[in-house]
């Protein structure tokens, strides 16, 4: 089986996901206010999402990612380069 080797950072926490969204928004020169207008989502939601709010609505979070030109992939850890060498206890947490 061939390992999936990502070209981009591994995302395992809401903080990491939100940070990536923020970085992409800023790279595109957008303010939260502009993104709010484009997405139809409130600035408070977007700000909380970028700060890694764990209870943010998944569907909306994925919409924001897509609007910013980001695709999300889920890859079995056994097939990812990041999953090589992890112990079973890493998966339990």
PDB file of N, CA and C in Angstrom:
ATOM      1  N   UNK A   1       0.833  -1.170   0.000  1.00  0.00           N
ATOM      2  CA  UNK A   1       0.000   0.000   0.000  1.00  0.00           C
ATOM      3  C   UNK A   1       0.886   1.245   0.000  1.00  0.00           C
ATOM      4  N   UNK A   2       0.571   2.203  -0.842  1.00  0.00           N
ATOM      5  CA  UNK A   2       1.348   3.425  -0.943  1.00  0.00           C
ATOM      6  C   UNK A   2       0.908   4.418   0.106  1.00  0.00           C
ATOM      7  N   UNK A   3       1.853   5.070   0.752  1.00  0.00           N
ATOM      8  CA  UNK A   3       1.544   6.078   1.764  1.00  0.00           C
ATOM      9  C   UNK A   3       1.136   7.377   1.082  1.00  0.00           C
ATOM     10  N   UNK A   4       0.149   8.024   1.654  1.00  0.00           N
ATOM     11  CA  UNK A   4      -0.262   9.355   1.210  1.00  0.00           C
ATOM     12  C   UNK A   4       0.648  10.356   1.899  1.00  0.00           C
ATOM     13  N   UNK A   5       1.366  11.137   1.134  1.00  0.00           N
ATOM     14  CA  UNK A   5       2.261  12.131   1.704  1.00  0.00           C
ATOM     15  C   UNK A   5       1.689  13.510   1.388  1.00  0.00           C
ATOM     16  N   UNK A   6       1.164  14.184   2.417  1.00  0.00           N
ATOM     17  CA  UNK A   6       0.533  15.479   2.161  1.00  0.00           C
ATOM     18  C   UNK A   6       1.553  16.556   1.811  1.00  0.00           C
ATOM     19  N   UNK A   7       1.136  17.475   0.930  1.00  0.00           N
ATOM     20  CA  UNK A   7       1.960  18.625   0.565  1.00  0.00           C
ATOM     21  C   UNK A   7       1.698  19.790   1.513  1.00  0.00           C
ATOM     22  N   UNK A   8       0.739  19.616   2.397  1.00  0.00           N
ATOM     23  CA  UNK A   8       0.301  20.691   3.272  1.00  0.00           C
ATOM     24  C   UNK A   8       0.251  20.196   4.713  1.00  0.00           C
ATOM     25  N   UNK A   9       0.089  21.121   5.655  1.00  0.00           N
ATOM     26  CA  UNK A   9       0.153  20.730   7.068  1.00  0.00           C
ATOM     27  C   UNK A   9      -0.934  19.742   7.473  1.00  0.00           C
ATOM     28  N   UNK A  10      -0.571  18.888   8.397  1.00  0.00           N
ATOM     29  CA  UNK A  10      -1.502  17.942   8.986  1.00  0.00           C
ATOM     30  C   UNK A  10      -2.414  18.704   9.945  1.00  0.00           C
ATOM     31  N   UNK A  11      -3.709  18.484   9.837  1.00  0.00           N
ATOM     32  CA  UNK A  11      -4.693  19.157  10.684  1.00  0.00           C
ATOM     33  C   UNK A  11      -5.337  18.118  11.580  1.00  0.00           C
ATOM     34  N   UNK A  12      -5.145  18.288  12.895  1.00  0.00           N
ATOM     35  CA  UNK A  12      -5.758  17.362  13.848  1.00  0.00           C
ATOM     36  C   UNK A  12      -6.553  18.065  14.932  1.00  0.00           C
ATOM     37  N   UNK A  13      -6.500  19.391  14.984  1.00  0.00           N
ATOM     38  CA  UNK A  13      -7.221  20.111  16.023  1.00  0.00           C
ATOM     39  C   UNK A  13      -8.009  21.268  15.415  1.00  0.00           C
ATOM     40  N   UNK A  14      -9.046  21.719  16.107  1.00  0.00           N
ATOM     41  CA  UNK A  14      -9.775  22.902  15.631  1.00  0.00           C
ATOM     42  C   UNK A  14      -8.865  24.131  15.524  1.00  0.00           C
ATOM     43  N   UNK A  15      -7.903  24.273  16.439  1.00  0.00           N
ATOM     44  CA  UNK A  15      -6.969  25.399  16.369  1.00  0.00           C
ATOM     45  C   UNK A  15      -6.159  25.375  15.074  1.00  0.00           C
ATOM     46  N   UNK A  16      -5.705  24.197  14.680  1.00  0.00           N
ATOM     47  CA  UNK A  16      -4.926  24.067  13.446  1.00  0.00           C
ATOM     48  C   UNK A  16      -5.794  24.380  12.225  1.00  0.00           C
ATOM     49  N   UNK A  17      -7.039  23.873  12.241  1.00  0.00           N
ATOM     50  CA  UNK A  17      -7.958  24.119  11.124  1.00  0.00           C
ATOM     51  C   UNK A  17      -8.236  25.612  11.008  1.00  0.00           C
ATOM     52  N   UNK A  18      -8.567  26.234  12.142  1.00  0.00           N
ATOM     53  CA  UNK A  18      -8.862  27.663  12.136  1.00  0.00           C
ATOM     54  C   UNK A  18      -7.670  28.501  11.716  1.00  0.00           C
ATOM     55  N   UNK A  19      -6.492  28.120  12.180  1.00  0.00           N
ATOM     56  CA  UNK A  19      -5.284  28.852  11.801  1.00  0.00           C
ATOM     57  C   UNK A  19      -5.011  28.783  10.309  1.00  0.00           C
ATOM     58  N   UNK A  20      -5.282  27.636   9.726  1.00  0.00           N
ATOM     59  CA  UNK A  20      -5.100  27.488   8.282  1.00  0.00           C
ATOM     60  C   UNK A  20      -6.106  28.354   7.525  1.00  0.00           C
ATOM     61  N   UNK A  21      -7.355  28.396   8.008  1.00  0.00           N
ATOM     62  CA  UNK A  21      -8.356  29.262   7.378  1.00  0.00           C
ATOM     63  C   UNK A  21      -7.931  30.723   7.458  1.00  0.00           C
ATOM     64  N   UNK A  22      -7.461  31.158   8.630  1.00  0.00           N
ATOM     65  CA  UNK A  22      -7.021  32.537   8.812  1.00  0.00           C
ATOM     66  C   UNK A  22      -5.866  32.862   7.867  1.00  0.00           C
ATOM     67  N   UNK A  23      -4.890  31.968   7.788  1.00  0.00           N
ATOM     68  CA  UNK A  23      -3.735  32.200   6.923  1.00  0.00           C
ATOM     69  C   UNK A  23      -4.166  32.318   5.460  1.00  0.00           C
ATOM     70  N   UNK A  24      -5.096  31.475   5.044  1.00  0.00           N
ATOM     71  CA  UNK A  24      -5.565  31.511   3.652  1.00  0.00           C
ATOM     72  C   UNK A  24      -6.347  32.799   3.382  1.00  0.00           C
ATOM     73  N   UNK A  25      -7.184  33.197   4.341  1.00  0.00           N
ATOM     74  CA  UNK A  25      -7.945  34.444   4.182  1.00  0.00           C
ATOM     75  C   UNK A  25      -6.991  35.619   4.032  1.00  0.00           C
ATOM     76  N   UNK A  26      -6.002  35.682   4.910  1.00  0.00           N
ATOM     77  CA  UNK A  26      -5.050  36.795   4.865  1.00  0.00           C
ATOM     78  C   UNK A  26      -4.207  36.756   3.595  1.00  0.00           C
ATOM     79  N   UNK A  27      -3.841  35.559   3.148  1.00  0.00           N
ATOM     80  CA  UNK A  27      -3.069  35.425   1.910  1.00  0.00           C
ATOM     81  C   UNK A  27      -3.848  35.959   0.712  1.00  0.00           C
ATOM     82  N   UNK A  28      -5.170  35.893   0.809  1.00  0.00           N
ATOM     83  CA  UNK A  28      -6.019  36.408  -0.268  1.00  0.00           C
ATOM     84  C   UNK A  28      -6.362  37.888  -0.075  1.00  0.00           C
ATOM     85  N   UNK A  29      -5.848  38.475   1.003  1.00  0.00           N
ATOM     86  CA  UNK A  29      -6.059  39.892   1.241  1.00  0.00           C
ATOM     87  C   UNK A  29      -7.473  40.231   1.705  1.00  0.00           C
ATOM     88  N   UNK A  30      -8.155  39.263   2.303  1.00  0.00           N
ATOM     89  CA  UNK A  30      -9.533  39.484   2.753  1.00  0.00           C
ATOM     90  C   UNK A  30      -9.572  39.804   4.240  1.00  0.00           C
ATOM     91  N   UNK A  31     -10.455  40.712   4.611  1.00  0.00           N
ATOM     92  CA  UNK A  31     -10.727  40.955   6.021  1.00  0.00           C
ATOM     93  C   UNK A  31     -11.863  40.025   6.454  1.00  0.00           C
ATOM     94  N   UNK A  32     -12.048  39.914   7.769  1.00  0.00           N
ATOM     95  CA  UNK A  32     -13.188  39.123   8.262  1.00  0.00           C
ATOM     96  C   UNK A  32     -14.500  39.711   7.749  1.00  0.00           C
ATOM     97  N   UNK A  33     -14.571  41.023   7.688  1.00  0.00           N
ATOM     98  CA  UNK A  33     -15.789  41.681   7.205  1.00  0.00           C
ATOM     99  C   UNK A  33     -16.070  41.312   5.745  1.00  0.00           C
ATOM    100  N   UNK A  34     -15.040  41.301   4.930  1.00  0.00           N
ATOM    101  CA  UNK A  34     -15.213  40.921   3.523  1.00  0.00           C
ATOM    102  C   UNK A  34     -15.622  39.459   3.389  1.00  0.00           C
ATOM    103  N   UNK A  35     -14.974  38.588   4.155  1.00  0.00           N
ATOM    104  CA  UNK A  35     -15.317  37.166   4.110  1.00  0.00           C
ATOM    105  C   UNK A  35     -16.748  36.951   4.585  1.00  0.00           C
ATOM    106  N   UNK A  36     -17.158  37.713   5.580  1.00  0.00           N
ATOM    107  CA  UNK A  36     -18.533  37.624   6.066  1.00  0.00           C
ATOM    108  C   UNK A  36     -19.517  37.972   4.948  1.00  0.00           C
ATOM    109  N   UNK A  37     -19.213  39.028   4.214  1.00  0.00           N
ATOM    110  CA  UNK A  37     -20.073  39.427   3.102  1.00  0.00           C
ATOM    111  C   UNK A  37     -20.121  38.387   1.993  1.00  0.00           C
ATOM    112  N   UNK A  38     -18.985  37.802   1.696  1.00  0.00           N
ATOM    113  CA  UNK A  38     -18.917  36.785   0.640  1.00  0.00           C
ATOM    114  C   UNK A  38     -19.616  35.484   1.037  1.00  0.00           C
ATOM    115  N   UNK A  39     -19.488  35.131   2.308  1.00  0.00           N
ATOM    116  CA  UNK A  39     -20.003  33.835   2.759  1.00  0.00           C
ATOM    117  C   UNK A  39     -21.429  33.890   3.277  1.00  0.00           C
ATOM    118  N   UNK A  40     -21.871  35.087   3.672  1.00  0.00           N
ATOM    119  CA  UNK A  40     -23.182  35.206   4.292  1.00  0.00           C
ATOM    120  C   UNK A  40     -23.181  34.744   5.746  1.00  0.00           C
ATOM    121  N   UNK A  41     -22.002  34.555   6.314  1.00  0.00           N
ATOM    122  CA  UNK A  41     -21.869  34.123   7.706  1.00  0.00           C
ATOM    123  C   UNK A  41     -21.413  35.303   8.548  1.00  0.00           C
ATOM    124  N   UNK A  42     -21.807  35.290   9.794  1.00  0.00           N
ATOM    125  CA  UNK A  42     -21.478  36.387  10.683  1.00  0.00           C
ATOM    126  C   UNK A  42     -20.004  36.474  11.010  1.00  0.00           C
ATOM    127  N   UNK A  43     -19.562  37.707  11.278  1.00  0.00           N
ATOM    128  CA  UNK A  43     -18.156  37.915  11.634  1.00  0.00           C
ATOM    129  C   UNK A  43     -17.811  37.197  12.932  1.00  0.00           C
ATOM    130  N   UNK A  44     -18.748  37.134  13.871  1.00  0.00           N
ATOM    131  CA  UNK A  44     -18.476  36.442  15.127  1.00  0.00           C
ATOM    132  C   UNK A  44     -18.188  34.962  14.872  1.00  0.00           C
ATOM    133  N   UNK A  45     -19.036  34.320  14.038  1.00  0.00           N
ATOM    134  CA  UNK A  45     -18.813  32.907  13.719  1.00  0.00           C
ATOM    135  C   UNK A  45     -17.448  32.716  13.076  1.00  0.00           C
ATOM    136  N   UNK A  46     -17.128  33.560  12.099  1.00  0.00           N
ATOM    137  CA  UNK A  46     -15.864  33.423  11.375  1.00  0.00           C
ATOM    138  C   UNK A  46     -14.673  33.637  12.303  1.00  0.00           C
ATOM    139  N   UNK A  47     -14.779  34.619  13.178  1.00  0.00           N
ATOM    140  CA  UNK A  47     -13.702  34.877  14.133  1.00  0.00           C
ATOM    141  C   UNK A  47     -13.506  33.690  15.072  1.00  0.00           C
ATOM    142  N   UNK A  48     -14.601  33.155  15.584  1.00  0.00           N
ATOM    143  CA  UNK A  48     -14.507  31.991  16.475  1.00  0.00           C
ATOM    144  C   UNK A  48     -13.943  30.779  15.736  1.00  0.00           C
ATOM    145  N   UNK A  49     -14.359  30.601  14.497  1.00  0.00           N
ATOM    146  CA  UNK A  49     -13.851  29.492  13.690  1.00  0.00           C
ATOM    147  C   UNK A  49     -12.338  29.610  13.518  1.00  0.00           C
ATOM    148  N   UNK A  50     -11.864  30.793  13.188  1.00  0.00           N
ATOM    149  CA  UNK A  50     -10.426  31.006  13.005  1.00  0.00           C
ATOM    150  C   UNK A  50      -9.646  30.834  14.308  1.00  0.00           C
ATOM    151  N   UNK A  51     -10.297  31.075  15.420  1.00  0.00           N
ATOM    152  CA  UNK A  51      -9.632  30.907  16.715  1.00  0.00           C
ATOM    153  C   UNK A  51      -9.726  29.464  17.213  1.00  0.00           C
ATOM    154  N   UNK A  52     -10.355  28.592  16.434  1.00  0.00           N
ATOM    155  CA  UNK A  52     -10.368  27.173  16.764  1.00  0.00           C
ATOM    156  C   UNK A  52     -11.499  26.729  17.663  1.00  0.00           C
ATOM    157  N   UNK A  53     -12.639  27.408  17.604  1.00  0.00           N
ATOM    158  CA  UNK A  53     -13.776  26.998  18.432  1.00  0.00           C
ATOM    159  C   UNK A  53     -14.179  25.574  18.073  1.00  0.00           C
ATOM    160  N   UNK A  54     -14.084  24.694  19.039  1.00  0.00           N
ATOM    161  CA  UNK A  54     -14.308  23.263  18.803  1.00  0.00           C
ATOM    162  C   UNK A  54     -15.753  22.934  18.462  1.00  0.00           C
ATOM    163  N   UNK A  55     -16.687  23.781  18.851  1.00  0.00           N
ATOM    164  CA  UNK A  55     -18.102  23.488  18.605  1.00  0.00           C
ATOM    165  C   UNK A  55     -18.642  24.187  17.359  1.00  0.00           C
ATOM    166  N   UNK A  56     -17.767  24.734  16.532  1.00  0.00           N
ATOM    167  CA  UNK A  56     -18.212  25.371  15.291  1.00  0.00           C
ATOM    168  C   UNK A  56     -18.906  24.339  14.403  1.00  0.00           C
ATOM    169  N   UNK A  57     -19.937  24.768  13.722  1.00  0.00           N
ATOM    170  CA  UNK A  57     -20.714  23.866  12.865  1.00  0.00           C
ATOM    171  C   UNK A  57     -19.858  23.383  11.691  1.00  0.00           C
ATOM    172  N   UNK A  58     -19.744  22.068  11.571  1.00  0.00           N
ATOM    173  CA  UNK A  58     -18.873  21.465  10.562  1.00  0.00           C
ATOM    174  C   UNK A  58     -19.252  21.889   9.145  1.00  0.00           C
ATOM    175  N   UNK A  59     -20.522  21.861   8.825  1.00  0.00           N
ATOM    176  CA  UNK A  59     -20.949  22.225   7.469  1.00  0.00           C
ATOM    177  C   UNK A  59     -20.530  23.630   7.093  1.00  0.00           C
ATOM    178  N   UNK A  60     -20.705  24.561   8.012  1.00  0.00           N
ATOM    179  CA  UNK A  60     -20.312  25.944   7.754  1.00  0.00           C
ATOM    180  C   UNK A  60     -18.798  26.070   7.658  1.00  0.00           C
ATOM    181  N   UNK A  61     -18.088  25.344   8.506  1.00  0.00           N
ATOM    182  CA  UNK A  61     -16.629  25.387   8.469  1.00  0.00           C
ATOM    183  C   UNK A  61     -16.110  24.902   7.117  1.00  0.00           C
ATOM    184  N   UNK A  62     -16.713  23.842   6.600  1.00  0.00           N
ATOM    185  CA  UNK A  62     -16.299  23.323   5.292  1.00  0.00           C
ATOM    186  C   UNK A  62     -16.667  24.291   4.169  1.00  0.00           C
ATOM    187  N   UNK A  63     -17.795  24.986   4.311  1.00  0.00           N
ATOM    188  CA  UNK A  63     -18.186  26.003   3.319  1.00  0.00           C
ATOM    189  C   UNK A  63     -17.150  27.120   3.263  1.00  0.00           C
ATOM    190  N   UNK A  64     -16.704  27.572   4.430  1.00  0.00           N
ATOM    191  CA  UNK A  64     -15.694  28.628   4.486  1.00  0.00           C
ATOM    192  C   UNK A  64     -14.407  28.148   3.830  1.00  0.00           C
ATOM    193  N   UNK A  65     -13.995  26.931   4.140  1.00  0.00           N
ATOM    194  CA  UNK A  65     -12.782  26.374   3.541  1.00  0.00           C
ATOM    195  C   UNK A  65     -12.906  26.353   2.018  1.00  0.00           C
ATOM    196  N   UNK A  66     -14.037  25.884   1.518  1.00  0.00           N
ATOM    197  CA  UNK A  66     -14.237  25.821   0.073  1.00  0.00           C
ATOM    198  C   UNK A  66     -14.240  27.220  -0.548  1.00  0.00           C
ATOM    199  N   UNK A  67     -14.872  28.168   0.123  1.00  0.00           N
ATOM    200  CA  UNK A  67     -14.917  29.539  -0.376  1.00  0.00           C
ATOM    201  C   UNK A  67     -13.514  30.135  -0.481  1.00  0.00           C
ATOM    202  N   UNK A  68     -12.649  29.729   0.428  1.00  0.00           N
ATOM    203  CA  UNK A  68     -11.264  30.204   0.409  1.00  0.00           C
ATOM    204  C   UNK A  68     -10.379  29.381  -0.532  1.00  0.00           C
ATOM    205  N   UNK A  69     -10.977  28.424  -1.226  1.00  0.00           N
ATOM    206  CA  UNK A  69     -10.223  27.634  -2.199  1.00  0.00           C
ATOM    207  C   UNK A  69      -9.483  26.457  -1.600  1.00  0.00           C
ATOM    208  N   UNK A  70      -9.915  26.024  -0.404  1.00  0.00           N
ATOM    209  CA  UNK A  70      -9.261  24.895   0.258  1.00  0.00           C
ATOM    210  C   UNK A  70     -10.108  23.635   0.124  1.00  0.00           C
ATOM    211  N   UNK A  71      -9.469  22.523  -0.138  1.00  0.00           N
ATOM    212  CA  UNK A  71     -10.123  21.218  -0.161  1.00  0.00           C
ATOM    213  C   UNK A  71      -9.731  20.458   1.099  1.00  0.00           C
ATOM    214  N   UNK A  72     -10.638  19.660   1.603  1.00  0.00           N
ATOM    215  CA  UNK A  72     -10.370  18.850   2.794  1.00  0.00           C
ATOM    216  C   UNK A  72     -10.389  17.378   2.409  1.00  0.00           C
ATOM    217  N   UNK A  73      -9.390  16.650   2.882  1.00  0.00           N
ATOM    218  CA  UNK A  73      -9.283  15.223   2.625  1.00  0.00           C
ATOM    219  C   UNK A  73      -9.139  14.489   3.939  1.00  0.00           C
ATOM    220  N   UNK A  74      -9.775  13.353   4.050  1.00  0.00           N
ATOM    221  CA  UNK A  74      -9.577  12.468   5.195  1.00  0.00           C
ATOM    222  C   UNK A  74      -8.886  11.223   4.675  1.00  0.00           C
ATOM    223  N   UNK A  75      -7.751  10.915   5.253  1.00  0.00           N
ATOM    224  CA  UNK A  75      -6.938   9.800   4.803  1.00  0.00           C
ATOM    225  C   UNK A  75      -6.712   8.869   5.988  1.00  0.00           C
ATOM    226  N   UNK A  76      -6.940   7.565   5.814  1.00  0.00           N
ATOM    227  CA  UNK A  76      -6.641   6.649   6.915  1.00  0.00           C
ATOM    228  C   UNK A  76      -5.188   6.829   7.361  1.00  0.00           C
ATOM    229  N   UNK A  77      -4.991   6.911   8.668  1.00  0.00           N
ATOM    230  CA  UNK A  77      -3.651   7.146   9.209  1.00  0.00           C
ATOM    231  C   UNK A  77      -2.649   6.104   8.722  1.00  0.00           C
ATOM    232  N   UNK A  78      -3.100   4.876   8.554  1.00  0.00           N
ATOM    233  CA  UNK A  78      -2.211   3.811   8.096  1.00  0.00           C
ATOM    234  C   UNK A  78      -1.661   4.107   6.707  1.00  0.00           C
ATOM    235  N   UNK A  79      -2.354   4.950   5.935  1.00  0.00           N
ATOM    236  CA  UNK A  79      -1.914   5.277   4.581  1.00  0.00           C
ATOM    237  C   UNK A  79      -1.181   6.605   4.506  1.00  0.00           C
ATOM    238  N   UNK A  80      -1.122   7.338   5.605  1.00  0.00           N
ATOM    239  CA  UNK A  80      -0.472   8.645   5.567  1.00  0.00           C
ATOM    240  C   UNK A  80       0.933   8.564   6.129  1.00  0.00           C
ATOM    241  N   UNK A  81       1.786   9.425   5.628  1.00  0.00           N
ATOM    242  CA  UNK A  81       3.159   9.474   6.129  1.00  0.00           C
ATOM    243  C   UNK A  81       3.163   9.866   7.601  1.00  0.00           C
ATOM    244  N   UNK A  82       2.191  10.687   8.020  1.00  0.00           N
ATOM    245  CA  UNK A  82       2.115  11.127   9.416  1.00  0.00           C
ATOM    246  C   UNK A  82       1.759   9.976  10.342  1.00  0.00           C
ATOM    247  N   UNK A  83       1.071   8.976   9.821  1.00  0.00           N
ATOM    248  CA  UNK A  83       0.646   7.853  10.643  1.00  0.00           C
ATOM    249  C   UNK A  83       1.716   6.802  10.853  1.00  0.00           C
ATOM    250  N   UNK A  84       2.779   6.880  10.123  1.00  0.00           N
ATOM    251  CA  UNK A  84       3.866   5.888  10.259  1.00  0.00           C
ATOM    252  C   UNK A  84       4.576   6.066  11.598  1.00  0.00           C
ATOM    253  N   UNK A  85       4.718   4.982  12.313  1.00  0.00           N
ATOM    254  CA  UNK A  85       5.481   5.018  13.554  1.00  0.00           C
ATOM    255  C   UNK A  85       4.709   5.484  14.765  1.00  0.00           C
ATOM    256  N   UNK A  86       3.397   5.717  14.647  1.00  0.00           N
ATOM    257  CA  UNK A  86       2.616   6.110  15.817  1.00  0.00           C
ATOM    258  C   UNK A  86       2.221   4.880  16.617  1.00  0.00           C
ATOM    259  N   UNK A  87       2.170   5.043  17.907  1.00  0.00           N
ATOM    260  CA  UNK A  87       1.766   3.918  18.762  1.00  0.00           C
ATOM    261  C   UNK A  87       0.262   3.894  18.889  1.00  0.00           C
ATOM    262  N   UNK A  88      -0.272   2.762  19.324  1.00  0.00           N
ATOM    263  CA  UNK A  88      -1.713   2.605  19.517  1.00  0.00           C
ATOM    264  C   UNK A  88      -2.232   3.598  20.533  1.00  0.00           C
ATOM    265  N   UNK A  89      -1.421   4.003  21.505  1.00  0.00           N
ATOM    266  CA  UNK A  89      -1.879   4.957  22.506  1.00  0.00           C
ATOM    267  C   UNK A  89      -2.121   6.329  21.901  1.00  0.00           C
ATOM    268  N   UNK A  90      -1.444   6.675  20.787  1.00  0.00           N
ATOM    269  CA  UNK A  90      -1.679   7.947  20.124  1.00  0.00           C
ATOM    270  C   UNK A  90      -3.097   8.018  19.570  1.00  0.00           C
ATOM    271  N   UNK A  91      -3.628   6.894  19.137  1.00  0.00           N
ATOM    272  CA  UNK A  91      -4.968   6.844  18.557  1.00  0.00           C
ATOM    273  C   UNK A  91      -6.050   6.845  19.629  1.00  0.00           C
ATOM    274  N   UNK A  92      -5.724   6.474  20.850  1.00  0.00           N
ATOM    275  CA  UNK A  92      -6.720   6.345  21.902  1.00  0.00           C
ATOM    276  C   UNK A  92      -7.173   7.701  22.445  1.00  0.00           C
ATOM    277  N   UNK A  93      -6.375   8.743  22.315  1.00  0.00           N
ATOM    278  CA  UNK A  93      -6.666  10.052  22.900  1.00  0.00           C
ATOM    279  C   UNK A  93      -7.500  10.841  22.056  1.00  0.00           C
TER     280      UNK A  93
END
